[in-house]
Amino acid sequence: MAHVEDRWYKTVRGERIKTARHGSGRRWRARYLNPDGDERSRSFDRKLDAERFLAEVEHSKIAGSYRDPDAGRVTLRKYSAQWVEAYPAESTRGEIVRGHLTRHIWPKLGGKTLAELEGRPSIVQQFFNALPMGPSGASQIAITLTAILNAAVDDGLINRNPCKAQSVKLPKQPRSKVVPWTMAQVEEIRAGLPGPWRAVTDCGAGLGLRSGEIFGFGPDEVDFLHQVVNVRRQIKRVGGRMWFALPKGGKEREVPLEEDVALRLAHHMETYQLHEVTLPWNEPGNPRRHGKPHTAVLMFTKRGGAVHPATFNTMGWRQARDAAGIADGGGLHELRHLFASALLAGGVDIRALSEYLGHHDPTVTLRIYAHLMPSARGRALKAIKAAFAEARGEADGPGTAQTEGNAR
């Protein structure tokens, strides 16, 4: 039965005498049984606090909301070290999260228990305020810490996530709209690159490939006859190791192959020596550190070996970009933005663009590129103008839907 024990005094044969613990430590100990029948206890300085604690425990047992008060005594370092192991060894996101933990979260908060953080959200706020970086980087660390503490709530170690406390203001990711480079700028960058690297820009701006897909790209993915590129793999780098893997999202996709892009790719294949590269192949979620060896002929290699995107910056990209007068910097992903903007301007619908880009959901594509879509008003005016022009006999080509229907 739950009760409060006086640790400083005991009664012997009706006489109240001091115990060996008299004057040492907290005097009042609340003792109770948890829902599994195991005894638990918590000590307090005041009897009132011990009685209040017992009342809360008994109420939570009746309501079915009981949580072991000692559950949150695990440190954030210990809990998050176990939590991060859920990321596979080949996970790029896992590598980023581990960096957040080792460089920022553990040095400042690692020694705090989960219960301390739950009870004092101000500690979390002070941590965010002291992060030595801008809002963009700080927001990513906030996402990691929030995810860890969400998991602690789900595991029943704490009742609430301090990152979600009303008094805590999370660092916000600055929302900036994508401003694509112009094709003229990309062509200038292309001209400034060494010959073997020029087709890199065609893969980005002409096919919308991600950087890892560009450096995992090979002639086996190009179908000149059917004017399509089958995007089958990428190169990933985690912790200094490189792998072949399926494209992001774990699935292959098809991208239309425009004639000028096809000619440039064909020229590259005829002009420069292509090399076979062998790397481990990892399926998504494979727990092994290394998969089975996979060999592919690649369009872009360095001394016959695989190229990592970060290395490419030092092999001519940065110099060519700066020479083109693009002062704000930018990597290969900017080419992908140009690809997306060109397709939207040409009337490609958002669902088709999402498939070409390899996004898992068209809403992702819409969130990034909605501001680049032609306005509904502009499309309406253009359509009406074309209809009136046709009525005056000024338009060439197919008629309106009604005219075509009447003709049939």
Foldseek 3Di string as FASTA:
>chain_A
DKDKDFQQWDADPNDIDGDPCHPHDAGIKIWDAAPVRDIDIDGHNDPVVSVVVVVVQVVCRVVVNHFDPCLQQQFLQVQVVVVLLQAAQQDPVSLVLVCLVVPQCCVQRRRPTSVVCLVDLVSVQVSLVPPPDDLQVQLVSLVSLQVSQVVCCVVRSDVDRSCPDPVHDGRDHDDDAQDFDDVVLLVQLLVQAPPLCSLLLCCCQVQLDDPQQQLVDDPVQDDPVVQKGKRAWGWGDHPNAIEIEGPPVQDIAITGHDPVSVVVLVCLPVPDDWAKEWAFYDHPPDNDNGHHIDIDTHSDADPRYGDDQVVVCVRRNVVSSVVSVPVVDDGSNSSSVNNLLVCLVVPDDLVVSCRSNVPPDSVVSCVRCVVSHDDPVVVVVVVVVQQVCVVVVNDDDDHDPVVVVVVD
